[in-house]
Amino acid sequence: MSAFSRAFSGRSNLDVLYFIYFVTHIPITLLCDVVPLMPKDRIPMALVSLNRVLTEKLGDPFMVIGPSARSDMTWFHSLLFCELVLQLPFFFYAAWALWTNSPRRHAPLLVYGVHVVTTMVPILGTLYGGNIDRPCGIRILLASIYLPYLLIPLSMAYASYTQCAGALLVARAKPKKA
């Protein structure tokens, strides 16, 4: 039996999904999401090439770097900065907490899930109805790429909320010591 199988034996499929989400989000953040925050002359060529796939092949308007980047995407860059500074360290904690089945994981996962849902709404809203020059098919493709980053944290927030609410009910039901 592998270490992964032992760690998640008897656990919910959602715990496995959340663990995979956090572990895969670490390289995505470091290799893709921080690139628009970097000075263009400091970006390694491999990351520039990867960025071109996102922006030229897939038509992602948010991840454009250099002089062709839109100046009205400051809001998106601020979300990327939050991802780097706040979320990236949390990804390591969350992966560890899920791996070890920490009973204290639910409140932080709830906060993270709600935070990410609120950041994904304007991104998907911009893809849907914003001032971006992309055909409908490209918008749908991009929405399908971004949508898991709304749905998984939304699921995480709901599941964590139910765990936290249940724990509060149990705590309230316990008789108080004199």
N, C-alpha and C. Protein backbone atom coordinates (compact mmCIF):
# COMPACT_ATOMS: atom_id res chain seq x y z
N MET A 1 0.85 -1.18 0.00
CA MET A 1 0.00 0.00 0.00
C MET A 1 0.90 1.25 0.00
N SER A 2 0.61 2.18 -0.89
CA SER A 2 1.44 3.38 -1.00
C SER A 2 1.16 4.34 0.17
N ALA A 3 2.08 5.27 0.35
CA ALA A 3 1.91 6.27 1.42
C ALA A 3 0.65 7.09 1.17
N PHE A 4 0.38 7.39 -0.09
CA PHE A 4 -0.83 8.15 -0.44
C PHE A 4 -2.08 7.37 -0.04
N SER A 5 -2.11 6.10 -0.39
CA SER A 5 -3.26 5.26 -0.05
C SER A 5 -3.44 5.16 1.46
N ARG A 6 -2.33 5.02 2.19
CA ARG A 6 -2.41 4.95 3.65
C ARG A 6 -2.92 6.27 4.23
N ALA A 7 -2.43 7.39 3.71
CA ALA A 7 -2.82 8.70 4.25
C ALA A 7 -4.30 8.97 4.05
N PHE A 8 -4.86 8.51 2.94
CA PHE A 8 -6.25 8.83 2.63
C PHE A 8 -7.20 7.65 2.74
N SER A 9 -6.73 6.56 3.32
CA SER A 9 -7.57 5.38 3.50
C SER A 9 -8.77 5.71 4.39
N GLY A 10 -9.94 5.39 3.89
CA GLY A 10 -11.16 5.64 4.65
C GLY A 10 -11.61 7.08 4.69
N ARG A 11 -10.95 7.93 3.96
CA ARG A 11 -11.28 9.36 3.95
C ARG A 11 -12.19 9.68 2.77
N SER A 12 -12.79 10.83 2.79
CA SER A 12 -13.69 11.22 1.71
C SER A 12 -12.91 11.53 0.43
N ASN A 13 -13.59 11.35 -0.68
CA ASN A 13 -13.00 11.71 -1.97
C ASN A 13 -12.71 13.20 -2.05
N LEU A 14 -13.48 14.00 -1.31
CA LEU A 14 -13.23 15.44 -1.31
C LEU A 14 -11.87 15.77 -0.69
N ASP A 15 -11.50 15.08 0.38
CA ASP A 15 -10.18 15.30 0.98
C ASP A 15 -9.08 15.01 -0.04
N VAL A 16 -9.25 13.96 -0.80
CA VAL A 16 -8.27 13.62 -1.85
C VAL A 16 -8.24 14.73 -2.90
N LEU A 17 -9.42 15.15 -3.35
CA LEU A 17 -9.50 16.23 -4.34
C LEU A 17 -8.84 17.50 -3.83
N TYR A 18 -9.13 17.88 -2.59
CA TYR A 18 -8.56 19.11 -2.04
C TYR A 18 -7.04 18.99 -1.91
N PHE A 19 -6.55 17.83 -1.50
CA PHE A 19 -5.11 17.63 -1.40
C PHE A 19 -4.45 17.80 -2.78
N ILE A 20 -5.00 17.16 -3.78
CA ILE A 20 -4.46 17.28 -5.15
C ILE A 20 -4.54 18.72 -5.62
N TYR A 21 -5.64 19.39 -5.33
CA TYR A 21 -5.80 20.80 -5.69
C TYR A 21 -4.66 21.65 -5.12
N PHE A 22 -4.38 21.49 -3.84
CA PHE A 22 -3.34 22.32 -3.21
C PHE A 22 -1.95 21.95 -3.71
N VAL A 23 -1.66 20.67 -3.83
CA VAL A 23 -0.33 20.25 -4.28
C VAL A 23 -0.07 20.71 -5.71
N THR A 24 -1.06 20.62 -6.58
CA THR A 24 -0.86 21.07 -7.97
C THR A 24 -0.88 22.58 -8.09
N HIS A 25 -1.52 23.24 -7.14
CA HIS A 25 -1.59 24.71 -7.21
C HIS A 25 -0.25 25.37 -6.90
N ILE A 26 0.62 24.68 -6.19
CA ILE A 26 1.95 25.25 -5.86
C ILE A 26 2.76 25.51 -7.14
N PRO A 27 2.99 24.51 -8.01
CA PRO A 27 3.75 24.82 -9.23
C PRO A 27 2.99 25.76 -10.18
N ILE A 28 1.66 25.67 -10.21
CA ILE A 28 0.90 26.58 -11.07
C ILE A 28 1.14 28.02 -10.64
N THR A 29 1.12 28.25 -9.34
CA THR A 29 1.36 29.60 -8.83
C THR A 29 2.77 30.07 -9.18
N LEU A 30 3.76 29.21 -8.92
CA LEU A 30 5.16 29.61 -9.12
C LEU A 30 5.55 29.72 -10.59
N LEU A 31 4.96 28.90 -11.46
CA LEU A 31 5.38 28.88 -12.86
C LEU A 31 4.48 29.69 -13.79
N CYS A 32 3.25 29.93 -13.38
CA CYS A 32 2.33 30.66 -14.26
C CYS A 32 1.82 31.96 -13.66
N ASP A 33 1.25 31.84 -12.47
CA ASP A 33 0.48 32.95 -11.93
C ASP A 33 1.31 34.15 -11.49
N VAL A 34 2.57 33.94 -11.12
CA VAL A 34 3.38 35.08 -10.69
C VAL A 34 4.08 35.78 -11.86
N VAL A 35 4.06 35.17 -13.03
CA VAL A 35 4.79 35.74 -14.17
C VAL A 35 4.34 37.16 -14.51
N PRO A 36 3.03 37.47 -14.55
CA PRO A 36 2.64 38.85 -14.85
C PRO A 36 3.09 39.87 -13.81
N LEU A 37 3.50 39.42 -12.64
CA LEU A 37 3.97 40.33 -11.60
C LEU A 37 5.45 40.67 -11.74
N MET A 38 6.15 39.89 -12.55
CA MET A 38 7.61 40.04 -12.66
C MET A 38 7.97 41.03 -13.77
N PRO A 39 9.10 41.74 -13.61
CA PRO A 39 9.59 42.56 -14.72
C PRO A 39 9.92 41.65 -15.91
N LYS A 40 9.50 42.06 -17.10
CA LYS A 40 9.63 41.20 -18.28
C LYS A 40 11.07 40.75 -18.52
N ASP A 41 12.04 41.60 -18.26
CA ASP A 41 13.45 41.24 -18.51
C ASP A 41 14.01 40.27 -17.45
N ARG A 42 13.25 39.99 -16.40
CA ARG A 42 13.68 39.07 -15.34
C ARG A 42 13.01 37.70 -15.43
N ILE A 43 12.11 37.55 -16.38
CA ILE A 43 11.36 36.29 -16.49
C ILE A 43 12.19 35.29 -17.30
N PRO A 44 12.42 34.09 -16.75
CA PRO A 44 13.15 33.07 -17.51
C PRO A 44 12.41 32.72 -18.81
N MET A 45 13.17 32.42 -19.86
CA MET A 45 12.56 32.16 -21.17
C MET A 45 11.55 31.02 -21.13
N ALA A 46 11.79 30.00 -20.32
CA ALA A 46 10.84 28.88 -20.24
C ALA A 46 9.48 29.38 -19.74
N LEU A 47 9.49 30.32 -18.79
CA LEU A 47 8.23 30.86 -18.28
C LEU A 47 7.58 31.81 -19.27
N VAL A 48 8.40 32.53 -20.04
CA VAL A 48 7.86 33.37 -21.12
C VAL A 48 7.16 32.50 -22.15
N SER A 49 7.78 31.38 -22.49
CA SER A 49 7.17 30.46 -23.46
C SER A 49 5.86 29.89 -22.93
N LEU A 50 5.83 29.51 -21.67
CA LEU A 50 4.62 28.99 -21.06
C LEU A 50 3.53 30.07 -21.05
N ASN A 51 3.93 31.30 -20.75
CA ASN A 51 2.99 32.41 -20.74
C ASN A 51 2.42 32.65 -22.14
N ARG A 52 3.23 32.48 -23.16
CA ARG A 52 2.74 32.65 -24.54
C ARG A 52 1.66 31.62 -24.87
N VAL A 53 1.82 30.41 -24.37
CA VAL A 53 0.78 29.40 -24.59
C VAL A 53 -0.54 29.89 -24.00
N LEU A 54 -0.47 30.41 -22.79
CA LEU A 54 -1.68 30.89 -22.12
C LEU A 54 -2.30 32.09 -22.85
N THR A 55 -1.45 33.02 -23.26
CA THR A 55 -1.98 34.28 -23.79
C THR A 55 -2.23 34.25 -25.30
N GLU A 56 -1.36 33.59 -26.04
CA GLU A 56 -1.50 33.59 -27.49
C GLU A 56 -2.31 32.39 -27.99
N LYS A 57 -2.02 31.23 -27.49
CA LYS A 57 -2.72 30.02 -27.96
C LYS A 57 -4.11 29.91 -27.34
N LEU A 58 -4.20 30.17 -26.02
CA LEU A 58 -5.47 30.04 -25.33
C LEU A 58 -6.24 31.36 -25.21
N GLY A 59 -5.58 32.48 -25.51
CA GLY A 59 -6.24 33.78 -25.52
C GLY A 59 -6.53 34.38 -24.16
N ASP A 60 -5.78 33.99 -23.13
CA ASP A 60 -6.02 34.50 -21.78
C ASP A 60 -5.66 35.99 -21.72
N PRO A 61 -6.64 36.87 -21.48
CA PRO A 61 -6.36 38.30 -21.44
C PRO A 61 -5.75 38.77 -20.13
N PHE A 62 -5.84 37.95 -19.10
CA PHE A 62 -5.38 38.35 -17.77
C PHE A 62 -3.88 38.19 -17.60
N MET A 63 -3.31 37.20 -18.25
CA MET A 63 -1.92 36.81 -18.00
C MET A 63 -0.91 37.47 -18.93
N VAL A 64 -1.33 38.41 -19.76
CA VAL A 64 -0.45 39.07 -20.72
C VAL A 64 0.65 39.83 -19.99
N ILE A 65 1.88 39.70 -20.49
CA ILE A 65 3.03 40.39 -19.89
C ILE A 65 3.62 41.36 -20.89
N GLY A 66 4.41 42.30 -20.37
CA GLY A 66 5.11 43.24 -21.24
C GLY A 66 4.24 44.40 -21.68
N PRO A 67 4.66 45.07 -22.74
CA PRO A 67 3.97 46.28 -23.17
C PRO A 67 2.55 46.05 -23.68
N SER A 68 2.22 44.84 -24.08
CA SER A 68 0.86 44.59 -24.57
C SER A 68 -0.12 44.27 -23.44
N ALA A 69 0.36 44.25 -22.19
CA ALA A 69 -0.52 44.02 -21.05
C ALA A 69 -1.46 45.21 -20.89
N ARG A 70 -2.70 44.94 -20.59
CA ARG A 70 -3.70 46.00 -20.44
C ARG A 70 -3.52 46.70 -19.10
N SER A 71 -3.59 48.01 -19.12
CA SER A 71 -3.42 48.78 -17.88
C SER A 71 -4.63 48.65 -16.97
N ASP A 72 -5.77 48.23 -17.51
CA ASP A 72 -6.97 48.10 -16.67
C ASP A 72 -7.04 46.74 -15.97
N MET A 73 -5.96 46.00 -15.97
CA MET A 73 -5.92 44.70 -15.28
C MET A 73 -5.21 44.79 -13.93
N THR A 74 -5.07 45.98 -13.39
CA THR A 74 -4.44 46.15 -12.09
C THR A 74 -5.17 45.34 -11.03
N TRP A 75 -6.47 45.30 -11.10
CA TRP A 75 -7.26 44.52 -10.13
C TRP A 75 -6.85 43.05 -10.17
N PHE A 76 -6.60 42.52 -11.38
CA PHE A 76 -6.22 41.12 -11.49
C PHE A 76 -4.81 40.91 -10.94
N HIS A 77 -3.92 41.84 -11.21
CA HIS A 77 -2.55 41.72 -10.69
C HIS A 77 -2.55 41.78 -9.17
N SER A 78 -3.46 42.54 -8.58
CA SER A 78 -3.53 42.57 -7.11
C SER A 78 -4.00 41.22 -6.58
N LEU A 79 -4.87 40.52 -7.32
CA LEU A 79 -5.29 39.18 -6.92
C LEU A 79 -4.12 38.20 -7.03
N LEU A 80 -3.31 38.35 -8.08
CA LEU A 80 -2.13 37.49 -8.22
C LEU A 80 -1.14 37.74 -7.08
N PHE A 81 -0.99 38.99 -6.67
CA PHE A 81 -0.10 39.32 -5.56
C PHE A 81 -0.61 38.66 -4.27
N CYS A 82 -1.92 38.70 -4.04
CA CYS A 82 -2.49 38.02 -2.87
C CYS A 82 -2.26 36.52 -2.95
N GLU A 83 -2.36 35.96 -4.15
CA GLU A 83 -2.10 34.53 -4.31
C GLU A 83 -0.66 34.20 -3.92
N LEU A 84 0.27 35.02 -4.34
CA LEU A 84 1.68 34.78 -4.04
C LEU A 84 1.96 34.94 -2.54
N VAL A 85 1.48 36.01 -1.95
CA VAL A 85 1.85 36.35 -0.57
C VAL A 85 1.00 35.62 0.47
N LEU A 86 -0.30 35.50 0.22
CA LEU A 86 -1.20 34.91 1.21
C LEU A 86 -1.50 33.43 0.93
N GLN A 87 -1.82 33.13 -0.32
CA GLN A 87 -2.29 31.79 -0.62
C GLN A 87 -1.16 30.77 -0.75
N LEU A 88 -0.08 31.12 -1.41
CA LEU A 88 1.00 30.15 -1.63
C LEU A 88 1.50 29.54 -0.32
N PRO A 89 1.80 30.31 0.71
CA PRO A 89 2.19 29.66 1.98
C PRO A 89 1.08 28.77 2.54
N PHE A 90 -0.17 29.18 2.34
CA PHE A 90 -1.29 28.39 2.84
C PHE A 90 -1.40 27.05 2.11
N PHE A 91 -1.03 27.00 0.83
CA PHE A 91 -1.10 25.74 0.07
C PHE A 91 -0.28 24.65 0.76
N PHE A 92 0.88 25.02 1.29
CA PHE A 92 1.72 24.04 1.98
C PHE A 92 1.05 23.57 3.27
N TYR A 93 0.51 24.51 4.04
CA TYR A 93 -0.19 24.15 5.26
C TYR A 93 -1.38 23.25 4.95
N ALA A 94 -2.19 23.64 3.97
CA ALA A 94 -3.40 22.89 3.64
C ALA A 94 -3.06 21.47 3.18
N ALA A 95 -2.04 21.34 2.35
CA ALA A 95 -1.63 20.00 1.89
C ALA A 95 -1.20 19.15 3.09
N TRP A 96 -0.42 19.74 3.99
CA TRP A 96 0.01 19.02 5.19
C TRP A 96 -1.20 18.64 6.05
N ALA A 97 -2.11 19.59 6.28
CA ALA A 97 -3.27 19.35 7.13
C ALA A 97 -4.17 18.25 6.54
N LEU A 98 -4.30 18.25 5.24
CA LEU A 98 -5.10 17.20 4.60
C LEU A 98 -4.38 15.86 4.65
N TRP A 99 -3.07 15.87 4.43
CA TRP A 99 -2.27 14.63 4.47
C TRP A 99 -2.34 13.98 5.85
N THR A 100 -2.25 14.82 6.88
CA THR A 100 -2.23 14.29 8.25
C THR A 100 -3.63 14.15 8.85
N ASN A 101 -4.64 14.55 8.09
CA ASN A 101 -6.03 14.48 8.55
C ASN A 101 -6.22 15.31 9.82
N SER A 102 -5.60 16.48 9.85
CA SER A 102 -5.70 17.34 11.02
C SER A 102 -7.14 17.74 11.29
N PRO A 103 -7.60 17.59 12.51
CA PRO A 103 -8.97 18.00 12.82
C PRO A 103 -9.13 19.52 12.82
N ARG A 104 -8.03 20.24 12.79
CA ARG A 104 -8.08 21.71 12.82
C ARG A 104 -8.04 22.33 11.43
N ARG A 105 -8.19 21.54 10.40
CA ARG A 105 -8.08 22.04 9.03
C ARG A 105 -9.33 22.77 8.55
N HIS A 106 -10.46 22.51 9.15
CA HIS A 106 -11.72 22.97 8.57
C HIS A 106 -11.90 24.49 8.59
N ALA A 107 -11.59 25.14 9.69
CA ALA A 107 -11.76 26.60 9.73
C ALA A 107 -10.84 27.30 8.72
N PRO A 108 -9.54 26.95 8.65
CA PRO A 108 -8.71 27.58 7.62
C PRO A 108 -9.17 27.28 6.19
N LEU A 109 -9.63 26.05 5.95
CA LEU A 109 -10.12 25.72 4.61
C LEU A 109 -11.40 26.51 4.28
N LEU A 110 -12.22 26.75 5.28
CA LEU A 110 -13.42 27.57 5.09
C LEU A 110 -13.03 28.99 4.68
N VAL A 111 -12.11 29.59 5.42
CA VAL A 111 -11.67 30.95 5.11
C VAL A 111 -11.05 31.01 3.71
N TYR A 112 -10.17 30.05 3.40
CA TYR A 112 -9.55 30.01 2.08
C TYR A 112 -10.61 29.86 0.99
N GLY A 113 -11.55 28.94 1.17
CA GLY A 113 -12.56 28.71 0.14
C GLY A 113 -13.39 29.94 -0.14
N VAL A 114 -13.83 30.62 0.91
CA VAL A 114 -14.63 31.83 0.73
C VAL A 114 -13.79 32.92 0.05
N HIS A 115 -12.55 33.07 0.47
CA HIS A 115 -11.67 34.07 -0.15
C HIS A 115 -11.52 33.83 -1.65
N VAL A 116 -11.24 32.60 -2.03
CA VAL A 116 -10.99 32.31 -3.44
C VAL A 116 -12.27 32.45 -4.26
N VAL A 117 -13.39 32.05 -3.72
CA VAL A 117 -14.65 32.22 -4.44
C VAL A 117 -14.88 33.70 -4.76
N THR A 118 -14.62 34.56 -3.78
CA THR A 118 -14.84 35.99 -4.01
C THR A 118 -13.83 36.57 -5.01
N THR A 119 -12.67 35.95 -5.17
CA THR A 119 -11.73 36.44 -6.18
C THR A 119 -12.06 35.89 -7.57
N MET A 120 -12.66 34.72 -7.62
CA MET A 120 -12.98 34.12 -8.92
C MET A 120 -14.21 34.74 -9.57
N VAL A 121 -15.12 35.28 -8.79
CA VAL A 121 -16.33 35.88 -9.36
C VAL A 121 -16.00 37.01 -10.33
N PRO A 122 -15.14 37.98 -9.99
CA PRO A 122 -14.84 39.02 -10.98
C PRO A 122 -14.06 38.50 -12.19
N ILE A 123 -13.25 37.49 -11.99
CA ILE A 123 -12.51 36.92 -13.13
C ILE A 123 -13.49 36.30 -14.11
N LEU A 124 -14.37 35.44 -13.62
CA LEU A 124 -15.35 34.80 -14.50
C LEU A 124 -16.35 35.83 -15.04
N GLY A 125 -16.69 36.83 -14.24
CA GLY A 125 -17.57 37.89 -14.71
C GLY A 125 -16.96 38.68 -15.85
N THR A 126 -15.66 38.93 -15.77
CA THR A 126 -14.97 39.63 -16.85
C THR A 126 -14.93 38.77 -18.10
N LEU A 127 -14.70 37.48 -17.94
CA LEU A 127 -14.73 36.60 -19.11
C LEU A 127 -16.11 36.57 -19.75
N TYR A 128 -17.13 36.59 -18.92
CA TYR A 128 -18.49 36.51 -19.42
C TYR A 128 -18.95 37.81 -20.07
N GLY A 129 -18.78 38.91 -19.39
CA GLY A 129 -19.36 40.15 -19.90
C GLY A 129 -18.44 41.35 -19.90
N GLY A 130 -17.16 41.13 -19.64
CA GLY A 130 -16.24 42.25 -19.56
C GLY A 130 -15.77 42.75 -20.91
N ASN A 131 -15.01 43.80 -20.86
CA ASN A 131 -14.50 44.45 -22.05
C ASN A 131 -13.20 43.76 -22.51
N ILE A 132 -13.34 42.53 -22.96
CA ILE A 132 -12.19 41.81 -23.52
C ILE A 132 -12.56 41.36 -24.93
N ASP A 133 -11.62 41.52 -25.81
CA ASP A 133 -11.84 41.24 -27.22
C ASP A 133 -11.50 39.78 -27.52
N ARG A 134 -12.42 38.90 -27.17
CA ARG A 134 -12.23 37.46 -27.43
C ARG A 134 -13.54 36.90 -27.95
N PRO A 135 -13.46 36.01 -28.92
CA PRO A 135 -14.71 35.37 -29.39
C PRO A 135 -15.33 34.50 -28.30
N CYS A 136 -16.59 34.19 -28.48
CA CYS A 136 -17.35 33.43 -27.49
C CYS A 136 -16.68 32.08 -27.19
N GLY A 137 -16.19 31.39 -28.19
CA GLY A 137 -15.55 30.09 -27.99
C GLY A 137 -14.32 30.18 -27.10
N ILE A 138 -13.52 31.23 -27.27
CA ILE A 138 -12.32 31.44 -26.43
C ILE A 138 -12.75 31.76 -25.00
N ARG A 139 -13.79 32.57 -24.86
CA ARG A 139 -14.29 32.91 -23.52
C ARG A 139 -14.76 31.64 -22.80
N ILE A 140 -15.44 30.77 -23.51
CA ILE A 140 -15.92 29.52 -22.91
C ILE A 140 -14.74 28.63 -22.53
N LEU A 141 -13.75 28.54 -23.40
CA LEU A 141 -12.55 27.74 -23.10
C LEU A 141 -11.86 28.28 -21.85
N LEU A 142 -11.67 29.59 -21.79
CA LEU A 142 -11.02 30.19 -20.63
C LEU A 142 -11.84 30.00 -19.36
N ALA A 143 -13.15 30.16 -19.48
CA ALA A 143 -14.02 29.94 -18.32
C ALA A 143 -13.90 28.51 -17.83
N SER A 144 -13.78 27.56 -18.76
CA SER A 144 -13.65 26.16 -18.34
C SER A 144 -12.31 25.90 -17.66
N ILE A 145 -11.29 26.68 -17.99
CA ILE A 145 -9.99 26.55 -17.32
C ILE A 145 -10.06 27.17 -15.92
N TYR A 146 -10.71 28.32 -15.80
CA TYR A 146 -10.80 29.01 -14.51
C TYR A 146 -11.88 28.44 -13.59
N LEU A 147 -12.91 27.82 -14.15
CA LEU A 147 -14.05 27.37 -13.36
C LEU A 147 -13.70 26.40 -12.22
N PRO A 148 -12.79 25.45 -12.39
CA PRO A 148 -12.44 24.59 -11.24
C PRO A 148 -11.91 25.37 -10.05
N TYR A 149 -11.29 26.53 -10.31
CA TYR A 149 -10.76 27.35 -9.23
C TYR A 149 -11.86 28.15 -8.53
N LEU A 150 -13.08 28.06 -9.03
CA LEU A 150 -14.26 28.54 -8.32
C LEU A 150 -14.97 27.37 -7.64
N LEU A 151 -15.19 26.29 -8.38
CA LEU A 151 -16.01 25.19 -7.89
C LEU A 151 -15.34 24.40 -6.76
N ILE A 152 -14.05 24.13 -6.86
CA ILE A 152 -13.38 23.37 -5.80
C ILE A 152 -13.34 24.18 -4.50
N PRO A 153 -12.92 25.46 -4.52
CA PRO A 153 -12.98 26.23 -3.26
C PRO A 153 -14.41 26.42 -2.73
N LEU A 154 -15.40 26.52 -3.63
CA LEU A 154 -16.78 26.63 -3.18
C LEU A 154 -17.20 25.36 -2.45
N SER A 155 -16.85 24.21 -3.01
CA SER A 155 -17.11 22.93 -2.36
C SER A 155 -16.38 22.85 -1.03
N MET A 156 -15.13 23.32 -1.03
CA MET A 156 -14.30 23.30 0.19
C MET A 156 -14.94 24.18 1.27
N ALA A 157 -15.42 25.35 0.88
CA ALA A 157 -16.05 26.25 1.85
C ALA A 157 -17.30 25.62 2.43
N TYR A 158 -18.11 25.00 1.59
CA TYR A 158 -19.35 24.37 2.06
C TYR A 158 -19.04 23.20 3.00
N ALA A 159 -18.15 22.31 2.56
CA ALA A 159 -17.82 21.14 3.38
C ALA A 159 -17.19 21.56 4.71
N SER A 160 -16.33 22.56 4.67
CA SER A 160 -15.68 23.03 5.89
C SER A 160 -16.66 23.74 6.80
N TYR A 161 -17.59 24.48 6.20
CA TYR A 161 -18.61 25.14 7.01
C TYR A 161 -19.45 24.11 7.76
N THR A 162 -19.86 23.06 7.07
CA THR A 162 -20.68 22.04 7.73
C THR A 162 -19.91 21.37 8.86
N GLN A 163 -18.60 21.15 8.68
CA GLN A 163 -17.78 20.57 9.75
C GLN A 163 -17.68 21.53 10.94
N CYS A 164 -17.43 22.81 10.64
CA CYS A 164 -17.31 23.81 11.72
C CYS A 164 -18.64 23.99 12.45
N ALA A 165 -19.73 24.06 11.70
CA ALA A 165 -21.05 24.23 12.32
C ALA A 165 -21.38 23.02 13.18
N GLY A 166 -21.07 21.83 12.71
CA GLY A 166 -21.31 20.62 13.50
C GLY A 166 -20.50 20.61 14.78
N ALA A 167 -19.24 21.03 14.69
CA ALA A 167 -18.38 21.07 15.88
C ALA A 167 -18.91 22.09 16.89
N LEU A 168 -19.44 23.21 16.41
CA LEU A 168 -20.00 24.20 17.32
C LEU A 168 -21.25 23.67 18.01
N LEU A 169 -22.08 22.95 17.29
CA LEU A 169 -23.28 22.37 17.91
C LEU A 169 -22.91 21.36 18.98
N VAL A 170 -21.91 20.54 18.72
CA VAL A 170 -21.46 19.55 19.70
C VAL A 170 -20.90 20.27 20.92
N ALA A 171 -20.11 21.32 20.69
CA ALA A 171 -19.52 22.06 21.82
C ALA A 171 -20.60 22.72 22.67
N ARG A 172 -21.64 23.24 22.03
CA ARG A 172 -22.72 23.87 22.79
C ARG A 172 -23.53 22.86 23.58
N ALA A 173 -23.62 21.65 23.08
CA ALA A 173 -24.43 20.62 23.75
C ALA A 173 -23.75 20.03 24.97
N LYS A 174 -22.44 20.19 25.07
CA LYS A 174 -21.71 19.63 26.23
C LYS A 174 -22.07 20.43 27.47
N PRO A 175 -22.30 19.74 28.58
CA PRO A 175 -22.59 20.47 29.82
C PRO A 175 -21.36 21.23 30.29
N LYS A 176 -21.61 22.40 30.83
CA LYS A 176 -20.50 23.23 31.31
C LYS A 176 -20.03 22.73 32.66
N LYS A 177 -18.72 22.78 32.88
CA LYS A 177 -18.15 22.39 34.17
C LYS A 177 -18.38 23.49 35.18
N ALA A 178 -18.64 23.11 36.41
CA ALA A 178 -18.91 24.08 37.47
C ALA A 178 -17.66 24.65 38.03
